């Protein structure tokens, strides 16, 4: 048994894309992909203001940053904020609140009260800073109250021992 195929005739396509149209289509696809990537990467970020002392004048200066935000989790959002705060300022003219190596040991948010526990590095003097330890404590409280207005009280401890400083 033999099968014979008829001669198939191919017609050239009438769809012709000129280079200009092709360039515009590629550009449109790139813009759409970039927009989607930007929206999805920034959907869970929020802008926060970080306050640090100016190195020259000692005045408090605000610095804006975008930080991750976890919806409906106030304690985690405060934790993320404090981790960023302890890293120090981006602007080189500003001083960090605490010496390098200061870490957040624990944080609790219960009943509109934030409990913060720092490691012992917070107690060490920073020879380059123009502010003192009490001012650092004031600024950490100012940062939290400004960015999280639902917080009514802040309790700061170092190595589990609550500070007995009247600030």
N, C-alpha and C. Protein backbone atom coordinates (compact mmCIF):
# COMPACT_ATOMS: atom_id res chain seq x y z
N UNK A 1 0.84 -1.15 0.00
CA UNK A 1 0.00 0.00 0.00
C UNK A 1 0.91 1.25 0.00
N UNK A 2 0.65 2.12 -0.89
CA UNK A 2 1.42 3.34 -1.00
C UNK A 2 0.53 4.54 -0.77
N UNK A 3 1.08 5.47 -0.08
CA UNK A 3 0.34 6.70 0.21
C UNK A 3 1.01 7.81 -0.57
N UNK A 4 0.18 8.50 -1.29
CA UNK A 4 0.69 9.62 -2.05
C UNK A 4 0.15 10.91 -1.45
N UNK A 5 1.04 11.80 -1.25
CA UNK A 5 0.63 13.10 -0.73
C UNK A 5 0.55 14.08 -1.88
N UNK A 6 -0.50 14.86 -1.81
CA UNK A 6 -0.61 15.90 -2.82
C UNK A 6 0.45 16.94 -2.55
N UNK A 7 0.82 17.60 -3.56
CA UNK A 7 1.78 18.66 -3.39
C UNK A 7 1.14 19.79 -2.61
N UNK A 8 1.73 20.09 -1.48
CA UNK A 8 1.20 21.18 -0.67
C UNK A 8 1.85 22.48 -1.13
N UNK A 9 1.01 23.48 -1.24
CA UNK A 9 1.52 24.79 -1.64
C UNK A 9 1.49 25.71 -0.43
N UNK A 10 2.60 26.31 -0.17
CA UNK A 10 2.70 27.26 0.93
C UNK A 10 2.62 28.67 0.38
N UNK A 11 1.75 29.43 1.02
CA UNK A 11 1.66 30.84 0.64
C UNK A 11 2.43 31.67 1.64
N UNK A 12 3.15 32.66 1.17
CA UNK A 12 3.85 33.51 2.12
C UNK A 12 2.84 34.26 2.99
N UNK A 13 3.24 34.49 4.25
CA UNK A 13 2.36 35.17 5.20
C UNK A 13 2.20 36.64 4.82
N UNK A 14 1.00 37.11 5.05
CA UNK A 14 0.72 38.52 4.78
C UNK A 14 1.08 39.40 5.98
N UNK A 15 1.43 38.75 7.09
CA UNK A 15 1.76 39.49 8.30
C UNK A 15 3.23 39.86 8.26
N UNK A 16 3.48 41.12 8.04
CA UNK A 16 4.86 41.60 8.00
C UNK A 16 5.00 42.65 9.11
N UNK A 17 6.03 42.48 9.91
CA UNK A 17 6.28 43.43 10.99
C UNK A 17 7.54 44.21 10.64
N UNK A 18 7.36 45.50 10.57
CA UNK A 18 8.54 46.30 10.26
C UNK A 18 9.37 46.48 11.54
N UNK A 19 10.63 46.84 11.43
CA UNK A 19 11.50 46.95 12.60
C UNK A 19 11.02 47.96 13.64
N UNK A 20 10.40 49.02 13.21
CA UNK A 20 9.90 50.03 14.15
C UNK A 20 8.80 49.46 15.04
N UNK A 21 7.87 48.73 14.44
CA UNK A 21 6.79 48.11 15.19
C UNK A 21 7.34 47.05 16.15
N UNK A 22 8.31 46.28 15.71
CA UNK A 22 8.92 45.27 16.55
C UNK A 22 9.61 45.91 17.76
N UNK A 23 10.33 47.01 17.53
CA UNK A 23 10.98 47.73 18.61
C UNK A 23 9.96 48.24 19.63
N UNK A 24 8.85 48.81 19.16
CA UNK A 24 7.81 49.32 20.06
C UNK A 24 7.16 48.20 20.86
N UNK A 25 6.94 47.04 20.25
CA UNK A 25 6.36 45.90 20.96
C UNK A 25 7.31 45.41 22.06
N UNK A 26 8.59 45.31 21.75
CA UNK A 26 9.57 44.88 22.75
C UNK A 26 9.64 45.90 23.88
N UNK A 27 9.63 47.18 23.54
CA UNK A 27 9.66 48.23 24.55
C UNK A 27 8.42 48.15 25.45
N UNK A 28 7.27 47.92 24.89
CA UNK A 28 6.03 47.79 25.65
C UNK A 28 6.10 46.60 26.62
N UNK A 29 6.62 45.48 26.15
CA UNK A 29 6.74 44.30 27.00
C UNK A 29 7.70 44.58 28.16
N UNK A 30 8.81 45.25 27.89
CA UNK A 30 9.78 45.58 28.94
C UNK A 30 9.17 46.51 29.97
N UNK A 31 8.41 47.52 29.53
CA UNK A 31 7.76 48.46 30.45
C UNK A 31 6.74 47.73 31.32
N UNK A 32 5.97 46.84 30.76
CA UNK A 32 4.97 46.10 31.52
C UNK A 32 5.65 45.19 32.55
N UNK A 33 6.69 44.48 32.16
CA UNK A 33 7.39 43.61 33.10
C UNK A 33 8.04 44.42 34.22
N UNK A 34 8.64 45.55 33.87
CA UNK A 34 9.27 46.41 34.89
C UNK A 34 8.24 46.96 35.87
N UNK A 35 7.09 47.37 35.36
CA UNK A 35 6.04 47.89 36.24
C UNK A 35 5.54 46.83 37.21
N UNK A 36 5.34 45.64 36.71
CA UNK A 36 4.87 44.54 37.57
C UNK A 36 5.92 44.22 38.63
N UNK A 37 7.19 44.19 38.25
CA UNK A 37 8.26 43.91 39.21
C UNK A 37 8.35 45.01 40.27
N UNK A 38 8.21 46.25 39.87
CA UNK A 38 8.28 47.37 40.83
C UNK A 38 7.11 47.31 41.81
N UNK A 39 5.92 47.08 41.31
CA UNK A 39 4.75 47.04 42.17
C UNK A 39 4.83 45.88 43.16
N UNK A 40 5.23 44.71 42.69
CA UNK A 40 5.29 43.56 43.59
C UNK A 40 6.42 43.68 44.61
N UNK A 41 7.52 44.35 44.25
CA UNK A 41 8.60 44.47 45.22
C UNK A 41 8.34 45.56 46.25
N UNK A 42 7.50 46.54 45.95
CA UNK A 42 7.24 47.64 46.88
C UNK A 42 5.89 47.55 47.58
N UNK A 43 5.14 46.52 47.31
CA UNK A 43 3.80 46.43 47.89
C UNK A 43 3.86 46.21 49.40
N UNK A 44 4.91 45.56 49.88
CA UNK A 44 5.03 45.31 51.32
C UNK A 44 6.14 46.14 51.95
N UNK A 45 6.29 47.37 51.48
CA UNK A 45 7.26 48.30 52.07
C UNK A 45 6.54 49.57 52.45
N UNK A 46 7.06 50.21 53.47
CA UNK A 46 6.48 51.46 53.92
C UNK A 46 7.62 52.44 54.21
N UNK A 47 7.29 53.70 54.13
CA UNK A 47 8.29 54.73 54.39
C UNK A 47 8.29 55.08 55.87
N UNK A 48 9.45 55.07 56.46
CA UNK A 48 9.61 55.42 57.87
C UNK A 48 10.63 56.54 57.99
N UNK A 49 10.48 57.34 59.05
CA UNK A 49 11.43 58.41 59.33
C UNK A 49 12.30 57.97 60.50
N UNK A 50 13.62 58.04 60.31
CA UNK A 50 14.59 57.68 61.33
C UNK A 50 15.25 58.96 61.82
N UNK A 51 15.29 59.15 63.13
CA UNK A 51 15.89 60.34 63.72
C UNK A 51 17.26 60.00 64.29
N UNK A 52 18.27 60.80 63.89
CA UNK A 52 19.63 60.63 64.36
C UNK A 52 20.20 62.00 64.70
N UNK A 53 21.17 62.05 65.62
CA UNK A 53 21.80 63.34 65.93
C UNK A 53 22.82 63.73 64.85
N UNK A 54 22.83 65.02 64.51
CA UNK A 54 23.82 65.54 63.57
C UNK A 54 25.18 65.57 64.26
N UNK A 55 26.22 65.17 63.55
CA UNK A 55 27.55 65.08 64.15
C UNK A 55 28.12 66.45 64.52
N UNK A 56 27.84 67.45 63.72
CA UNK A 56 28.40 68.78 63.97
C UNK A 56 27.62 69.56 65.02
N UNK A 57 26.31 69.63 64.84
CA UNK A 57 25.52 70.49 65.72
C UNK A 57 24.88 69.74 66.89
N UNK A 58 24.70 68.44 66.77
CA UNK A 58 24.04 67.68 67.81
C UNK A 58 22.52 67.73 67.71
N UNK A 59 21.99 68.49 66.74
CA UNK A 59 20.54 68.57 66.54
C UNK A 59 20.02 67.27 65.94
N UNK A 60 18.76 67.00 66.21
CA UNK A 60 18.14 65.79 65.68
C UNK A 60 17.69 66.03 64.25
N UNK A 61 18.06 65.10 63.36
CA UNK A 61 17.74 65.21 61.95
C UNK A 61 17.01 63.93 61.52
N UNK A 62 15.96 64.10 60.71
CA UNK A 62 15.21 62.95 60.22
C UNK A 62 15.75 62.44 58.90
N UNK A 63 15.65 61.13 58.72
CA UNK A 63 16.13 60.48 57.51
C UNK A 63 15.05 59.50 57.06
N UNK A 64 14.63 59.60 55.82
CA UNK A 64 13.54 58.76 55.32
C UNK A 64 14.09 57.50 54.64
N UNK A 65 13.46 56.35 54.94
CA UNK A 65 13.83 55.07 54.33
C UNK A 65 12.59 54.23 54.10
N UNK A 66 12.67 53.37 53.10
CA UNK A 66 11.62 52.38 52.89
C UNK A 66 12.06 51.09 53.56
N UNK A 67 11.20 50.57 54.41
CA UNK A 67 11.51 49.32 55.11
C UNK A 67 10.36 48.33 54.90
N UNK A 68 10.65 47.04 55.02
CA UNK A 68 9.59 46.04 54.85
C UNK A 68 8.49 46.21 55.90
N UNK A 69 7.28 45.86 55.50
CA UNK A 69 6.12 45.96 56.40
C UNK A 69 5.35 44.65 56.34
N UNK A 70 5.03 44.11 57.49
CA UNK A 70 4.22 42.89 57.58
C UNK A 70 2.81 43.33 57.97
N UNK A 71 1.83 43.10 57.10
CA UNK A 71 0.47 43.53 57.44
C UNK A 71 -0.06 42.83 58.70
N UNK A 72 -0.70 43.61 59.56
CA UNK A 72 -1.39 43.12 60.76
C UNK A 72 -0.45 42.53 61.82
N UNK A 73 0.85 42.84 61.77
CA UNK A 73 1.78 42.33 62.77
C UNK A 73 2.59 43.50 63.31
N UNK A 74 2.05 44.17 64.32
CA UNK A 74 2.68 45.37 64.86
C UNK A 74 4.03 45.08 65.49
N UNK A 75 4.13 43.99 66.24
CA UNK A 75 5.39 43.66 66.90
C UNK A 75 6.51 43.42 65.89
N UNK A 76 6.22 42.69 64.84
CA UNK A 76 7.23 42.41 63.81
C UNK A 76 7.64 43.69 63.08
N UNK A 77 6.69 44.59 62.83
CA UNK A 77 7.01 45.85 62.18
C UNK A 77 7.91 46.73 63.05
N UNK A 78 7.66 46.75 64.35
CA UNK A 78 8.52 47.50 65.27
C UNK A 78 9.90 46.86 65.32
N UNK A 79 9.96 45.54 65.31
CA UNK A 79 11.23 44.82 65.32
C UNK A 79 12.06 45.17 64.08
N UNK A 80 11.45 45.12 62.92
CA UNK A 80 12.15 45.47 61.67
C UNK A 80 12.66 46.91 61.74
N UNK A 81 11.82 47.80 62.23
CA UNK A 81 12.21 49.20 62.34
C UNK A 81 13.41 49.38 63.27
N UNK A 82 13.37 48.73 64.44
CA UNK A 82 14.47 48.87 65.40
C UNK A 82 15.78 48.26 64.87
N UNK A 83 15.67 47.16 64.14
CA UNK A 83 16.88 46.57 63.54
C UNK A 83 17.53 47.58 62.58
N UNK A 84 16.71 48.25 61.77
CA UNK A 84 17.21 49.27 60.85
C UNK A 84 17.78 50.46 61.62
N UNK A 85 17.10 50.86 62.67
CA UNK A 85 17.53 52.00 63.47
C UNK A 85 18.91 51.75 64.08
N UNK A 86 19.14 50.54 64.58
CA UNK A 86 20.40 50.21 65.21
C UNK A 86 21.55 50.07 64.20
N UNK A 87 21.22 49.89 62.93
CA UNK A 87 22.27 49.86 61.91
C UNK A 87 22.91 51.23 61.73
N UNK A 88 22.15 52.26 62.06
CA UNK A 88 22.69 53.61 61.97
C UNK A 88 22.18 54.35 60.74
N UNK A 89 22.62 55.60 60.59
CA UNK A 89 22.13 56.43 59.49
C UNK A 89 22.81 56.11 58.16
N UNK A 90 22.16 56.50 57.10
CA UNK A 90 22.75 56.40 55.76
C UNK A 90 23.64 57.62 55.53
N UNK A 91 23.18 58.78 55.99
CA UNK A 91 23.90 60.03 55.83
C UNK A 91 25.14 60.00 56.74
N UNK A 92 26.29 60.24 56.15
CA UNK A 92 27.54 60.16 56.90
C UNK A 92 27.72 61.32 57.89
N UNK A 93 26.91 62.37 57.78
CA UNK A 93 27.01 63.50 58.70
C UNK A 93 26.22 63.26 59.99
N UNK A 94 25.51 62.16 60.05
CA UNK A 94 24.72 61.84 61.23
C UNK A 94 25.41 60.75 62.04
N UNK A 95 25.19 60.77 63.34
CA UNK A 95 25.77 59.75 64.23
C UNK A 95 24.76 58.64 64.48
N UNK A 96 25.24 57.40 64.66
CA UNK A 96 24.33 56.33 65.08
C UNK A 96 23.90 56.56 66.53
N UNK A 97 22.79 55.96 66.91
CA UNK A 97 22.30 56.14 68.28
C UNK A 97 23.19 55.43 69.30
N UNK A 98 23.68 54.25 68.93
CA UNK A 98 24.49 53.46 69.85
C UNK A 98 25.77 53.03 69.14
N UNK A 99 26.78 52.59 69.89
CA UNK A 99 28.03 52.15 69.27
C UNK A 99 27.81 50.95 68.34
N UNK A 100 28.76 50.76 67.45
CA UNK A 100 28.72 49.62 66.53
C UNK A 100 28.72 48.34 67.35
N UNK A 101 27.89 47.40 66.95
CA UNK A 101 27.80 46.12 67.67
C UNK A 101 26.59 46.03 68.58
N UNK A 102 25.88 47.14 68.76
CA UNK A 102 24.67 47.10 69.58
C UNK A 102 23.60 46.33 68.82
N UNK A 103 23.02 45.37 69.49
CA UNK A 103 22.00 44.51 68.87
C UNK A 103 20.74 44.50 69.71
N UNK A 104 19.63 44.26 69.02
CA UNK A 104 18.35 44.09 69.68
C UNK A 104 18.22 42.63 70.10
N UNK A 105 18.21 42.37 71.41
CA UNK A 105 18.12 41.00 71.90
C UNK A 105 16.68 40.48 71.82
N UNK A 106 15.75 41.27 72.36
CA UNK A 106 14.34 40.85 72.39
C UNK A 106 13.46 42.07 72.25
N UNK A 107 12.26 41.83 71.76
CA UNK A 107 11.25 42.89 71.70
C UNK A 107 9.89 42.25 71.94
N UNK A 108 9.07 42.94 72.71
CA UNK A 108 7.69 42.51 72.96
C UNK A 108 6.79 43.72 72.81
N UNK A 109 5.63 43.50 72.23
CA UNK A 109 4.63 44.55 72.15
C UNK A 109 3.35 43.98 72.75
N UNK A 110 3.01 44.48 73.94
CA UNK A 110 1.83 44.00 74.65
C UNK A 110 1.07 45.19 75.22
N UNK A 111 -0.20 45.26 74.91
CA UNK A 111 -1.07 46.27 75.49
C UNK A 111 -0.57 47.69 75.29
N UNK A 112 -0.17 48.04 74.09
CA UNK A 112 0.32 49.37 73.72
C UNK A 112 1.65 49.74 74.39
N UNK A 113 2.33 48.73 74.95
CA UNK A 113 3.64 48.95 75.57
C UNK A 113 4.68 48.13 74.79
N UNK A 114 5.80 48.78 74.45
CA UNK A 114 6.90 48.10 73.76
C UNK A 114 8.01 47.86 74.77
N UNK A 115 8.43 46.62 74.90
CA UNK A 115 9.54 46.24 75.76
C UNK A 115 10.73 45.92 74.85
N UNK A 116 11.83 46.64 75.04
CA UNK A 116 13.01 46.49 74.20
C UNK A 116 14.18 46.06 75.09
N UNK A 117 14.89 45.03 74.66
CA UNK A 117 16.07 44.57 75.38
C UNK A 117 17.26 44.64 74.43
N UNK A 118 18.27 45.43 74.80
CA UNK A 118 19.48 45.60 74.00
C UNK A 118 20.63 44.82 74.62
N UNK A 119 21.68 44.55 73.83
CA UNK A 119 22.85 43.86 74.39
C UNK A 119 23.76 44.86 75.10
N UNK A 120 24.82 44.38 75.71
CA UNK A 120 25.69 45.22 76.55
C UNK A 120 26.44 46.28 75.75
N UNK A 121 26.57 46.13 74.44
CA UNK A 121 27.31 47.09 73.62
C UNK A 121 26.69 48.48 73.68
N UNK A 122 25.40 48.55 74.00
CA UNK A 122 24.73 49.85 74.09
C UNK A 122 25.30 50.70 75.21
N UNK A 123 25.87 50.06 76.22
CA UNK A 123 26.42 50.79 77.37
C UNK A 123 27.81 51.38 77.11
N UNK A 124 28.51 50.84 76.14
CA UNK A 124 29.88 51.29 75.88
C UNK A 124 29.86 52.69 75.28
N UNK A 125 30.77 53.55 75.73
CA UNK A 125 30.79 54.91 75.18
C UNK A 125 31.33 54.91 73.75
N UNK A 126 30.75 55.79 72.93
CA UNK A 126 31.20 55.96 71.55
C UNK A 126 32.03 57.23 71.50
N UNK A 127 33.33 57.10 71.29
CA UNK A 127 34.21 58.26 71.37
C UNK A 127 34.00 59.25 70.23
N UNK A 128 33.34 58.84 69.16
CA UNK A 128 33.13 59.73 68.01
C UNK A 128 31.81 60.47 68.08
N UNK A 129 30.89 60.01 68.90
CA UNK A 129 29.55 60.60 68.95
C UNK A 129 29.55 61.89 69.77
N UNK A 130 28.65 62.80 69.38
CA UNK A 130 28.53 64.07 70.12
C UNK A 130 27.41 63.99 71.15
N UNK A 131 26.68 62.90 71.19
CA UNK A 131 25.57 62.76 72.14
C UNK A 131 25.92 61.71 73.19
N UNK A 132 25.16 61.70 74.26
CA UNK A 132 25.42 60.76 75.34
C UNK A 132 24.37 59.65 75.35
N UNK A 133 24.50 58.74 76.30
CA UNK A 133 23.63 57.58 76.41
C UNK A 133 22.17 57.99 76.63
N UNK A 134 21.95 58.99 77.49
CA UNK A 134 20.58 59.43 77.77
C UNK A 134 19.90 59.97 76.52
N UNK A 135 20.66 60.70 75.70
CA UNK A 135 20.11 61.22 74.46
C UNK A 135 19.77 60.09 73.49
N UNK A 136 20.58 59.03 73.49
CA UNK A 136 20.29 57.86 72.65
C UNK A 136 18.97 57.22 73.05
N UNK A 137 18.75 57.12 74.36
CA UNK A 137 17.49 56.54 74.86
C UNK A 137 16.31 57.43 74.46
N UNK A 138 16.47 58.74 74.60
CA UNK A 138 15.42 59.67 74.18
C UNK A 138 15.11 59.53 72.70
N UNK A 139 16.15 59.42 71.88
CA UNK A 139 15.95 59.32 70.43
C UNK A 139 15.31 58.00 70.02
N UNK A 140 15.65 56.92 70.71
CA UNK A 140 15.01 55.64 70.36
C UNK A 140 13.51 55.71 70.68
N UNK A 141 13.17 56.38 71.79
CA UNK A 141 11.76 56.55 72.13
C UNK A 141 11.06 57.48 71.14
N UNK A 142 11.74 58.54 70.74
CA UNK A 142 11.16 59.47 69.76
C UNK A 142 10.91 58.76 68.43
N UNK A 143 11.84 57.95 68.00
CA UNK A 143 11.70 57.20 66.75
C UNK A 143 10.47 56.29 66.78
N UNK A 144 10.32 55.58 67.88
CA UNK A 144 9.20 54.63 67.97
C UNK A 144 7.88 55.37 68.05
N UNK A 145 7.79 56.40 68.88
CA UNK A 145 6.53 57.12 69.03
C UNK A 145 6.13 57.85 67.75
N UNK A 146 7.11 58.34 67.00
CA UNK A 146 6.79 59.04 65.75
C UNK A 146 6.29 58.08 64.68
N UNK A 147 6.94 56.94 64.55
CA UNK A 147 6.60 55.99 63.49
C UNK A 147 5.47 55.03 63.85
N UNK A 148 5.22 54.85 65.14
CA UNK A 148 4.17 53.95 65.60
C UNK A 148 3.33 54.68 66.65
N UNK A 149 2.42 55.54 66.22
CA UNK A 149 1.67 56.37 67.17
C UNK A 149 0.77 55.58 68.12
N UNK A 150 0.50 54.32 67.83
CA UNK A 150 -0.34 53.51 68.72
C UNK A 150 0.43 53.04 69.95
N UNK A 151 1.75 53.21 69.98
CA UNK A 151 2.55 52.83 71.14
C UNK A 151 2.42 53.93 72.20
N UNK A 152 2.03 53.57 73.41
CA UNK A 152 1.84 54.54 74.48
C UNK A 152 3.02 54.60 75.45
N UNK A 153 3.73 53.47 75.62
CA UNK A 153 4.84 53.44 76.57
C UNK A 153 5.95 52.57 76.01
N UNK A 154 7.19 52.97 76.31
CA UNK A 154 8.36 52.22 75.85
C UNK A 154 9.23 51.90 77.06
N UNK A 155 9.52 50.63 77.25
CA UNK A 155 10.38 50.18 78.35
C UNK A 155 11.64 49.61 77.72
N UNK A 156 12.79 50.22 78.07
CA UNK A 156 14.07 49.78 77.50
C UNK A 156 14.90 49.12 78.60
N UNK A 157 15.45 47.96 78.26
CA UNK A 157 16.31 47.23 79.19
C UNK A 157 17.60 46.87 78.47
N UNK A 158 18.64 46.66 79.26
CA UNK A 158 19.91 46.19 78.71
C UNK A 158 20.28 44.93 79.46
N UNK A 159 20.46 43.86 78.72
CA UNK A 159 20.71 42.52 79.28
C UNK A 159 19.63 42.12 80.28
N UNK A 160 18.40 42.50 79.99
CA UNK A 160 17.27 42.12 80.82
C UNK A 160 17.03 43.03 82.01
N UNK A 161 17.92 43.98 82.26
CA UNK A 161 17.76 44.89 83.40
C UNK A 161 17.18 46.21 82.91
N UNK A 162 16.02 46.56 83.46
CA UNK A 162 15.37 47.79 83.06
C UNK A 162 16.21 49.00 83.49
N UNK A 163 16.27 49.99 82.62
CA UNK A 163 17.05 51.18 82.91
C UNK A 163 16.37 52.02 83.99
N UNK A 164 17.18 52.58 84.86
CA UNK A 164 16.66 53.42 85.91
C UNK A 164 17.03 54.88 85.66
N UNK A 165 17.02 55.26 84.41
CA UNK A 165 17.37 56.63 84.01
C UNK A 165 16.08 57.41 83.82
N UNK A 166 16.01 58.60 84.39
CA UNK A 166 14.85 59.45 84.18
C UNK A 166 15.09 60.29 82.93
N UNK A 167 14.44 59.86 81.85
CA UNK A 167 14.55 60.61 80.60
C UNK A 167 13.18 61.00 80.11
